[in-house]
Amino acid sequence: MFTDYRLLKHPYAWIALGFGSGLSKKAPGTAGSLLALLLWWLLMAEQPVWLQLVVIAVGFELGVRASNWMIAKTGVHDPGYIVWDEFIGQWIALLLLPKTLMAYVLAFALFRLFDIVKRGPVGWTDKHFSGGFGVMIDDVSAGLMALAAAQAVWHFTGST
């Protein structure tokens, strides 16, 4: 649980906390993923793929920096209130999907499943990396797995 509200004076805190969604008392990762999904729907879904990839890449680097800062300030390795990693993972899961409610529900559910269960590459990256990069990379793995699964479901079910 986040307790040092003095840190909110710094922009890195707001990034790490997913614009405040990480302050949710229940399921901050899910709250972060939902806000990420909403922001993608409103701001990025209809942008060209190259711009979406740039936003994700820049967001990843910003997340590593903000997570490193938060870890240094709080002394907690991978606190649940850091949810910027959920933003990046969720955005990866949404890549190339149409802007439909069904596609977004699918990407959200798959990303949360892979992020929570932490099997395969997600679990491996979670165990083998630390610091801000470690905070971010397991959610990138979960996002990539959700992207692959969502694309497969979307393709094989003929959804349009």
N, C-alpha and C. Protein backbone atom coordinates (compact mmCIF):
# COMPACT_ATOMS: atom_id res chain seq x y z
N MET A 1 0.84 -1.18 0.00
CA MET A 1 0.00 0.00 0.00
C MET A 1 0.89 1.25 0.00
N PHE A 2 0.55 2.18 -0.83
CA PHE A 2 1.29 3.43 -0.95
C PHE A 2 0.94 4.32 0.24
N THR A 3 1.96 4.84 0.92
CA THR A 3 1.70 5.67 2.10
C THR A 3 2.40 7.03 2.08
N ASP A 4 3.44 7.20 1.29
CA ASP A 4 4.20 8.45 1.32
C ASP A 4 3.68 9.42 0.26
N TYR A 5 2.62 10.10 0.60
CA TYR A 5 1.96 10.98 -0.36
C TYR A 5 2.79 12.22 -0.71
N ARG A 6 3.87 12.46 0.04
CA ARG A 6 4.78 13.55 -0.32
C ARG A 6 5.42 13.31 -1.68
N LEU A 7 5.57 12.03 -2.04
CA LEU A 7 6.19 11.69 -3.32
C LEU A 7 5.36 12.15 -4.52
N LEU A 8 4.08 12.42 -4.29
CA LEU A 8 3.19 12.82 -5.39
C LEU A 8 3.54 14.20 -5.96
N LYS A 9 4.50 14.86 -5.34
CA LYS A 9 4.96 16.14 -5.87
C LYS A 9 5.83 15.95 -7.11
N HIS A 10 6.28 14.73 -7.35
CA HIS A 10 7.19 14.46 -8.46
C HIS A 10 6.44 13.79 -9.61
N PRO A 11 6.69 14.21 -10.86
CA PRO A 11 5.99 13.60 -12.01
C PRO A 11 6.23 12.09 -12.14
N TYR A 12 7.40 11.61 -11.74
CA TYR A 12 7.66 10.17 -11.82
C TYR A 12 6.69 9.37 -10.96
N ALA A 13 6.27 9.94 -9.83
CA ALA A 13 5.30 9.24 -8.98
C ALA A 13 3.98 9.07 -9.73
N TRP A 14 3.54 10.11 -10.42
CA TRP A 14 2.27 10.04 -11.14
C TRP A 14 2.34 9.05 -12.30
N ILE A 15 3.50 8.98 -12.95
CA ILE A 15 3.67 7.98 -14.02
C ILE A 15 3.66 6.58 -13.41
N ALA A 16 4.51 6.35 -12.40
CA ALA A 16 4.59 5.02 -11.78
C ALA A 16 3.22 4.57 -11.26
N LEU A 17 2.48 5.49 -10.69
CA LEU A 17 1.17 5.18 -10.12
C LEU A 17 0.05 5.19 -11.16
N GLY A 18 0.41 5.26 -12.43
CA GLY A 18 -0.61 5.22 -13.48
C GLY A 18 -1.64 6.31 -13.34
N PHE A 19 -1.16 7.56 -13.15
CA PHE A 19 -2.04 8.73 -12.98
C PHE A 19 -3.00 8.56 -11.81
N GLY A 20 -2.56 7.80 -10.81
CA GLY A 20 -3.35 7.61 -9.59
C GLY A 20 -4.09 6.29 -9.52
N SER A 21 -4.19 5.56 -10.62
CA SER A 21 -4.93 4.28 -10.59
C SER A 21 -4.25 3.26 -9.69
N GLY A 22 -2.95 3.38 -9.48
CA GLY A 22 -2.23 2.47 -8.59
C GLY A 22 -2.56 2.70 -7.12
N LEU A 23 -3.26 3.78 -6.81
CA LEU A 23 -3.67 4.06 -5.44
C LEU A 23 -4.96 3.33 -5.05
N SER A 24 -5.54 2.61 -6.00
CA SER A 24 -6.75 1.84 -5.72
C SER A 24 -6.48 0.87 -4.57
N LYS A 25 -7.38 0.83 -3.61
CA LYS A 25 -7.21 -0.06 -2.46
C LYS A 25 -7.39 -1.53 -2.83
N LYS A 26 -8.18 -1.79 -3.85
CA LYS A 26 -8.40 -3.15 -4.32
C LYS A 26 -7.97 -3.26 -5.78
N ALA A 27 -7.18 -4.27 -6.06
CA ALA A 27 -6.76 -4.60 -7.43
C ALA A 27 -6.17 -3.42 -8.19
N PRO A 28 -5.09 -2.81 -7.69
CA PRO A 28 -4.52 -1.67 -8.40
C PRO A 28 -4.04 -2.02 -9.81
N GLY A 29 -3.56 -3.24 -10.02
CA GLY A 29 -3.13 -3.65 -11.37
C GLY A 29 -4.30 -3.66 -12.34
N THR A 30 -5.42 -4.15 -11.88
CA THR A 30 -6.62 -4.17 -12.73
C THR A 30 -7.11 -2.75 -12.98
N ALA A 31 -7.07 -1.90 -11.95
CA ALA A 31 -7.46 -0.50 -12.13
C ALA A 31 -6.55 0.17 -13.15
N GLY A 32 -5.25 -0.10 -13.05
CA GLY A 32 -4.31 0.47 -14.02
C GLY A 32 -4.58 -0.02 -15.42
N SER A 33 -4.85 -1.31 -15.56
CA SER A 33 -5.14 -1.86 -16.89
C SER A 33 -6.40 -1.25 -17.49
N LEU A 34 -7.42 -1.05 -16.66
CA LEU A 34 -8.66 -0.45 -17.15
C LEU A 34 -8.45 0.99 -17.61
N LEU A 35 -7.67 1.77 -16.82
CA LEU A 35 -7.40 3.14 -17.24
C LEU A 35 -6.56 3.15 -18.51
N ALA A 36 -5.60 2.25 -18.61
CA ALA A 36 -4.78 2.15 -19.82
C ALA A 36 -5.65 1.84 -21.03
N LEU A 37 -6.57 0.91 -20.87
CA LEU A 37 -7.48 0.55 -21.96
C LEU A 37 -8.32 1.75 -22.39
N LEU A 38 -8.86 2.47 -21.43
CA LEU A 38 -9.67 3.64 -21.73
C LEU A 38 -8.86 4.71 -22.47
N LEU A 39 -7.65 4.97 -22.00
CA LEU A 39 -6.80 5.98 -22.65
C LEU A 39 -6.46 5.55 -24.08
N TRP A 40 -6.19 4.26 -24.27
CA TRP A 40 -5.88 3.77 -25.62
C TRP A 40 -7.08 3.96 -26.53
N TRP A 41 -8.27 3.60 -26.02
CA TRP A 41 -9.51 3.73 -26.79
C TRP A 41 -9.71 5.19 -27.23
N LEU A 42 -9.52 6.10 -26.29
CA LEU A 42 -9.79 7.52 -26.56
C LEU A 42 -8.70 8.21 -27.38
N LEU A 43 -7.44 7.84 -27.18
CA LEU A 43 -6.34 8.61 -27.76
C LEU A 43 -5.52 7.90 -28.82
N MET A 44 -5.43 6.56 -28.76
CA MET A 44 -4.46 5.88 -29.61
C MET A 44 -5.04 4.88 -30.61
N ALA A 45 -6.23 4.39 -30.37
CA ALA A 45 -6.78 3.28 -31.17
C ALA A 45 -6.82 3.58 -32.66
N GLU A 46 -7.04 4.80 -33.03
CA GLU A 46 -7.17 5.13 -34.45
C GLU A 46 -5.91 5.78 -35.02
N GLN A 47 -4.84 5.75 -34.24
CA GLN A 47 -3.56 6.29 -34.72
C GLN A 47 -2.84 5.23 -35.55
N PRO A 48 -1.91 5.64 -36.41
CA PRO A 48 -1.15 4.65 -37.19
C PRO A 48 -0.32 3.76 -36.27
N VAL A 49 -0.10 2.53 -36.71
CA VAL A 49 0.62 1.55 -35.90
C VAL A 49 2.01 2.06 -35.54
N TRP A 50 2.69 2.75 -36.46
CA TRP A 50 4.03 3.24 -36.14
C TRP A 50 3.99 4.18 -34.95
N LEU A 51 2.95 5.03 -34.84
CA LEU A 51 2.84 5.96 -33.72
C LEU A 51 2.51 5.20 -32.44
N GLN A 52 1.65 4.20 -32.53
CA GLN A 52 1.34 3.38 -31.37
C GLN A 52 2.62 2.72 -30.82
N LEU A 53 3.45 2.20 -31.72
CA LEU A 53 4.71 1.57 -31.30
C LEU A 53 5.66 2.57 -30.66
N VAL A 54 5.70 3.79 -31.20
CA VAL A 54 6.55 4.83 -30.61
C VAL A 54 6.05 5.16 -29.19
N VAL A 55 4.75 5.30 -29.03
CA VAL A 55 4.18 5.60 -27.71
C VAL A 55 4.51 4.49 -26.73
N ILE A 56 4.40 3.24 -27.16
CA ILE A 56 4.72 2.12 -26.27
C ILE A 56 6.22 2.12 -25.92
N ALA A 57 7.08 2.34 -26.90
CA ALA A 57 8.53 2.34 -26.64
C ALA A 57 8.93 3.47 -25.70
N VAL A 58 8.43 4.66 -25.96
CA VAL A 58 8.74 5.80 -25.09
C VAL A 58 8.13 5.57 -23.71
N GLY A 59 6.91 5.04 -23.68
CA GLY A 59 6.26 4.74 -22.41
C GLY A 59 7.02 3.69 -21.60
N PHE A 60 7.60 2.72 -22.29
CA PHE A 60 8.40 1.71 -21.60
C PHE A 60 9.61 2.36 -20.95
N GLU A 61 10.33 3.15 -21.69
CA GLU A 61 11.53 3.83 -21.14
C GLU A 61 11.15 4.74 -19.98
N LEU A 62 10.07 5.48 -20.13
CA LEU A 62 9.59 6.33 -19.05
C LEU A 62 9.22 5.49 -17.83
N GLY A 63 8.61 4.34 -18.08
CA GLY A 63 8.23 3.44 -16.99
C GLY A 63 9.42 2.87 -16.24
N VAL A 64 10.47 2.54 -16.96
CA VAL A 64 11.69 2.05 -16.30
C VAL A 64 12.24 3.14 -15.39
N ARG A 65 12.31 4.36 -15.90
CA ARG A 65 12.84 5.48 -15.10
C ARG A 65 11.95 5.78 -13.88
N ALA A 66 10.65 5.84 -14.10
CA ALA A 66 9.73 6.14 -13.00
C ALA A 66 9.73 5.02 -11.97
N SER A 67 9.81 3.78 -12.42
CA SER A 67 9.85 2.65 -11.49
C SER A 67 11.14 2.65 -10.69
N ASN A 68 12.26 2.90 -11.35
CA ASN A 68 13.54 3.00 -10.63
C ASN A 68 13.48 4.09 -9.58
N TRP A 69 12.90 5.23 -9.94
CA TRP A 69 12.77 6.34 -8.99
C TRP A 69 11.91 5.94 -7.79
N MET A 70 10.76 5.31 -8.08
CA MET A 70 9.84 4.92 -7.01
C MET A 70 10.48 3.86 -6.10
N ILE A 71 11.18 2.90 -6.69
CA ILE A 71 11.86 1.88 -5.90
C ILE A 71 12.91 2.52 -4.99
N ALA A 72 13.67 3.46 -5.53
CA ALA A 72 14.69 4.15 -4.74
C ALA A 72 14.07 4.95 -3.59
N LYS A 73 12.94 5.58 -3.85
CA LYS A 73 12.30 6.42 -2.83
C LYS A 73 11.59 5.61 -1.74
N THR A 74 11.03 4.45 -2.12
CA THR A 74 10.24 3.68 -1.15
C THR A 74 11.00 2.49 -0.58
N GLY A 75 12.03 2.02 -1.29
CA GLY A 75 12.77 0.84 -0.84
C GLY A 75 12.03 -0.46 -1.09
N VAL A 76 10.93 -0.42 -1.82
CA VAL A 76 10.14 -1.62 -2.12
C VAL A 76 10.45 -2.04 -3.55
N HIS A 77 10.82 -3.31 -3.74
CA HIS A 77 11.31 -3.80 -5.03
C HIS A 77 10.27 -3.71 -6.16
N ASP A 78 9.11 -4.30 -5.99
CA ASP A 78 8.09 -4.30 -7.04
C ASP A 78 6.72 -4.12 -6.39
N PRO A 79 6.47 -2.91 -5.89
CA PRO A 79 5.21 -2.70 -5.17
C PRO A 79 4.01 -2.74 -6.09
N GLY A 80 2.89 -3.21 -5.58
CA GLY A 80 1.67 -3.32 -6.35
C GLY A 80 1.13 -1.99 -6.83
N TYR A 81 1.50 -0.91 -6.16
CA TYR A 81 0.99 0.39 -6.56
C TYR A 81 1.69 0.96 -7.80
N ILE A 82 2.84 0.39 -8.19
CA ILE A 82 3.43 0.78 -9.47
C ILE A 82 2.64 0.03 -10.54
N VAL A 83 1.89 0.78 -11.34
CA VAL A 83 1.03 0.15 -12.35
C VAL A 83 1.32 0.64 -13.77
N TRP A 84 2.35 1.45 -13.94
CA TRP A 84 2.68 1.88 -15.30
C TRP A 84 3.03 0.68 -16.17
N ASP A 85 3.57 -0.37 -15.56
CA ASP A 85 3.87 -1.59 -16.30
C ASP A 85 2.59 -2.20 -16.88
N GLU A 86 1.49 -2.11 -16.16
CA GLU A 86 0.20 -2.57 -16.68
C GLU A 86 -0.22 -1.73 -17.88
N PHE A 87 0.04 -0.45 -17.84
CA PHE A 87 -0.30 0.40 -18.99
C PHE A 87 0.41 -0.11 -20.24
N ILE A 88 1.71 -0.33 -20.14
CA ILE A 88 2.47 -0.73 -21.32
C ILE A 88 2.05 -2.13 -21.78
N GLY A 89 1.90 -3.06 -20.85
CA GLY A 89 1.47 -4.41 -21.22
C GLY A 89 0.09 -4.42 -21.86
N GLN A 90 -0.83 -3.63 -21.30
CA GLN A 90 -2.18 -3.57 -21.85
C GLN A 90 -2.16 -2.94 -23.24
N TRP A 91 -1.36 -1.91 -23.43
CA TRP A 91 -1.27 -1.28 -24.74
C TRP A 91 -0.70 -2.24 -25.78
N ILE A 92 0.27 -3.04 -25.38
CA ILE A 92 0.82 -4.05 -26.30
C ILE A 92 -0.28 -5.04 -26.69
N ALA A 93 -1.06 -5.47 -25.72
CA ALA A 93 -2.13 -6.43 -25.98
C ALA A 93 -3.18 -5.88 -26.95
N LEU A 94 -3.34 -4.57 -26.97
CA LEU A 94 -4.36 -3.94 -27.82
C LEU A 94 -3.88 -3.66 -29.24
N LEU A 95 -2.59 -3.78 -29.47
CA LEU A 95 -2.05 -3.50 -30.81
C LEU A 95 -2.75 -4.32 -31.88
N LEU A 96 -3.04 -3.69 -32.98
CA LEU A 96 -3.57 -4.34 -34.18
C LEU A 96 -5.00 -4.86 -34.05
N LEU A 97 -5.61 -4.67 -32.90
CA LEU A 97 -7.01 -5.09 -32.75
C LEU A 97 -7.93 -3.96 -33.20
N PRO A 98 -9.09 -4.31 -33.73
CA PRO A 98 -10.05 -3.26 -34.10
C PRO A 98 -10.60 -2.58 -32.85
N LYS A 99 -11.06 -1.38 -33.02
CA LYS A 99 -11.63 -0.61 -31.92
C LYS A 99 -13.08 -1.03 -31.72
N THR A 100 -13.23 -2.21 -31.09
CA THR A 100 -14.56 -2.72 -30.76
C THR A 100 -14.56 -3.15 -29.30
N LEU A 101 -15.72 -3.11 -28.70
CA LEU A 101 -15.83 -3.51 -27.30
C LEU A 101 -15.37 -4.95 -27.10
N MET A 102 -15.77 -5.86 -28.00
CA MET A 102 -15.42 -7.27 -27.87
C MET A 102 -13.91 -7.47 -27.95
N ALA A 103 -13.25 -6.80 -28.88
CA ALA A 103 -11.80 -6.93 -29.02
C ALA A 103 -11.08 -6.41 -27.77
N TYR A 104 -11.56 -5.31 -27.23
CA TYR A 104 -10.92 -4.73 -26.05
C TYR A 104 -11.15 -5.58 -24.80
N VAL A 105 -12.34 -6.14 -24.66
CA VAL A 105 -12.61 -7.05 -23.54
C VAL A 105 -11.70 -8.27 -23.64
N LEU A 106 -11.55 -8.80 -24.83
CA LEU A 106 -10.67 -9.95 -25.06
C LEU A 106 -9.23 -9.61 -24.68
N ALA A 107 -8.70 -8.50 -25.17
CA ALA A 107 -7.31 -8.11 -24.88
C ALA A 107 -7.13 -7.84 -23.38
N PHE A 108 -8.10 -7.22 -22.76
CA PHE A 108 -8.03 -6.95 -21.32
C PHE A 108 -7.98 -8.25 -20.53
N ALA A 109 -8.91 -9.16 -20.82
CA ALA A 109 -8.99 -10.42 -20.09
C ALA A 109 -7.72 -11.25 -20.28
N LEU A 110 -7.24 -11.34 -21.50
CA LEU A 110 -6.02 -12.12 -21.75
C LEU A 110 -4.81 -11.51 -21.07
N PHE A 111 -4.67 -10.19 -21.15
CA PHE A 111 -3.53 -9.56 -20.49
C PHE A 111 -3.57 -9.77 -18.99
N ARG A 112 -4.73 -9.55 -18.37
CA ARG A 112 -4.81 -9.74 -16.91
C ARG A 112 -4.52 -11.19 -16.53
N LEU A 113 -5.03 -12.14 -17.32
CA LEU A 113 -4.76 -13.56 -17.05
C LEU A 113 -3.27 -13.84 -17.07
N PHE A 114 -2.59 -13.46 -18.15
CA PHE A 114 -1.15 -13.73 -18.27
C PHE A 114 -0.35 -12.98 -17.22
N ASP A 115 -0.75 -11.76 -16.89
CA ASP A 115 -0.03 -10.97 -15.90
C ASP A 115 -0.18 -11.55 -14.49
N ILE A 116 -1.36 -12.04 -14.17
CA ILE A 116 -1.61 -12.56 -12.83
C ILE A 116 -1.03 -13.97 -12.65
N VAL A 117 -1.23 -14.83 -13.64
CA VAL A 117 -0.79 -16.23 -13.53
C VAL A 117 0.73 -16.34 -13.60
N LYS A 118 1.37 -15.51 -14.40
CA LYS A 118 2.83 -15.46 -14.53
C LYS A 118 3.46 -16.80 -14.90
N ARG A 119 2.91 -17.45 -15.90
CA ARG A 119 3.49 -18.70 -16.41
C ARG A 119 4.39 -18.40 -17.60
N GLY A 120 5.27 -19.32 -17.91
CA GLY A 120 6.12 -19.22 -19.09
C GLY A 120 7.02 -18.01 -19.05
N PRO A 121 7.10 -17.29 -20.17
CA PRO A 121 8.00 -16.14 -20.26
C PRO A 121 7.71 -15.05 -19.23
N VAL A 122 6.45 -14.90 -18.84
CA VAL A 122 6.10 -13.86 -17.87
C VAL A 122 6.74 -14.18 -16.52
N GLY A 123 6.60 -15.41 -16.08
CA GLY A 123 7.22 -15.82 -14.82
C GLY A 123 8.74 -15.78 -14.87
N TRP A 124 9.29 -16.20 -16.02
CA TRP A 124 10.75 -16.21 -16.16
C TRP A 124 11.29 -14.79 -16.06
N THR A 125 10.69 -13.84 -16.79
CA THR A 125 11.18 -12.47 -16.73
C THR A 125 10.97 -11.87 -15.35
N ASP A 126 9.88 -12.24 -14.68
CA ASP A 126 9.61 -11.73 -13.34
C ASP A 126 10.70 -12.16 -12.36
N LYS A 127 11.24 -13.37 -12.55
CA LYS A 127 12.26 -13.91 -11.64
C LYS A 127 13.67 -13.47 -11.99
N HIS A 128 13.93 -13.14 -13.24
CA HIS A 128 15.30 -12.92 -13.68
C HIS A 128 15.72 -11.47 -13.88
N PHE A 129 14.81 -10.53 -13.72
CA PHE A 129 15.16 -9.13 -13.88
C PHE A 129 14.69 -8.34 -12.67
N SER A 130 15.42 -7.29 -12.36
CA SER A 130 15.07 -6.49 -11.19
C SER A 130 15.08 -5.01 -11.55
N GLY A 131 14.83 -4.20 -10.56
CA GLY A 131 14.80 -2.75 -10.77
C GLY A 131 13.63 -2.33 -11.63
N GLY A 132 13.73 -1.14 -12.15
CA GLY A 132 12.65 -0.62 -13.00
C GLY A 132 12.44 -1.45 -14.25
N PHE A 133 13.54 -1.96 -14.83
CA PHE A 133 13.42 -2.82 -16.00
C PHE A 133 12.66 -4.10 -15.63
N GLY A 134 12.98 -4.67 -14.48
CA GLY A 134 12.29 -5.88 -14.03
C GLY A 134 10.82 -5.66 -13.78
N VAL A 135 10.47 -4.50 -13.22
CA VAL A 135 9.06 -4.16 -13.00
C VAL A 135 8.32 -4.16 -14.33
N MET A 136 8.95 -3.60 -15.35
CA MET A 136 8.29 -3.40 -16.63
C MET A 136 8.26 -4.65 -17.52
N ILE A 137 9.34 -5.43 -17.52
CA ILE A 137 9.51 -6.44 -18.56
C ILE A 137 8.55 -7.62 -18.43
N ASP A 138 8.15 -8.00 -17.23
CA ASP A 138 7.21 -9.11 -17.12
C ASP A 138 5.85 -8.73 -17.71
N ASP A 139 5.48 -7.46 -17.59
CA ASP A 139 4.20 -7.02 -18.18
C ASP A 139 4.31 -6.88 -19.69
N VAL A 140 5.51 -6.56 -20.18
CA VAL A 140 5.72 -6.59 -21.63
C VAL A 140 5.53 -8.02 -22.13
N SER A 141 6.08 -8.99 -21.41
CA SER A 141 5.90 -10.40 -21.78
C SER A 141 4.43 -10.80 -21.76
N ALA A 142 3.72 -10.39 -20.71
CA ALA A 142 2.28 -10.69 -20.62
C ALA A 142 1.52 -10.01 -21.76
N GLY A 143 1.91 -8.79 -22.10
CA GLY A 143 1.28 -8.07 -23.20
C GLY A 143 1.51 -8.75 -24.54
N LEU A 144 2.73 -9.24 -24.75
CA LEU A 144 3.04 -9.94 -26.00
C LEU A 144 2.27 -11.25 -26.11
N MET A 145 2.16 -11.97 -24.99
CA MET A 145 1.38 -13.21 -25.00
C MET A 145 -0.09 -12.92 -25.26
N ALA A 146 -0.62 -11.87 -24.63
CA ALA A 146 -2.01 -11.50 -24.84
C ALA A 146 -2.24 -11.03 -26.28
N LEU A 147 -1.27 -10.31 -26.83
CA LEU A 147 -1.35 -9.86 -28.22
C LEU A 147 -1.45 -11.07 -29.16
N ALA A 148 -0.56 -12.04 -28.97
CA ALA A 148 -0.56 -13.23 -29.83
C ALA A 148 -1.88 -14.00 -29.68
N ALA A 149 -2.32 -14.20 -28.45
CA ALA A 149 -3.56 -14.95 -28.22
C ALA A 149 -4.77 -14.20 -28.77
N ALA A 150 -4.83 -12.89 -28.54
CA ALA A 150 -5.97 -12.10 -29.03
C ALA A 150 -6.01 -12.10 -30.55
N GLN A 151 -4.86 -11.98 -31.18
CA GLN A 151 -4.81 -12.01 -32.65
C GLN A 151 -5.26 -13.36 -33.18
N ALA A 152 -4.84 -14.43 -32.51
CA ALA A 152 -5.24 -15.77 -32.94
C ALA A 152 -6.75 -15.95 -32.80
N VAL A 153 -7.28 -15.58 -31.65
CA VAL A 153 -8.73 -15.70 -31.43
C VAL A 153 -9.47 -14.86 -32.47
N TRP A 154 -9.03 -13.63 -32.65
CA TRP A 154 -9.71 -12.72 -33.59
C TRP A 154 -9.66 -13.28 -35.01
N HIS A 155 -8.50 -13.81 -35.39
CA HIS A 155 -8.34 -14.34 -36.74
C HIS A 155 -9.18 -15.61 -36.95
N PHE A 156 -9.09 -16.53 -36.02
CA PHE A 156 -9.73 -17.84 -36.21
C PHE A 156 -11.24 -17.83 -35.97
N THR A 157 -11.74 -16.82 -35.27
CA THR A 157 -13.19 -16.75 -35.08
C THR A 157 -13.84 -15.91 -36.17
N GLY A 158 -13.02 -15.27 -37.00
CA GLY A 158 -13.56 -14.47 -38.09
C GLY A 158 -14.19 -13.18 -37.63
N SER A 159 -13.85 -12.75 -36.41
CA SER A 159 -14.42 -11.49 -35.90
C SER A 159 -13.90 -10.33 -36.71
N THR A 160 -14.79 -9.36 -36.94
CA THR A 160 -14.40 -8.18 -37.70
C THR A 160 -14.84 -6.93 -36.99
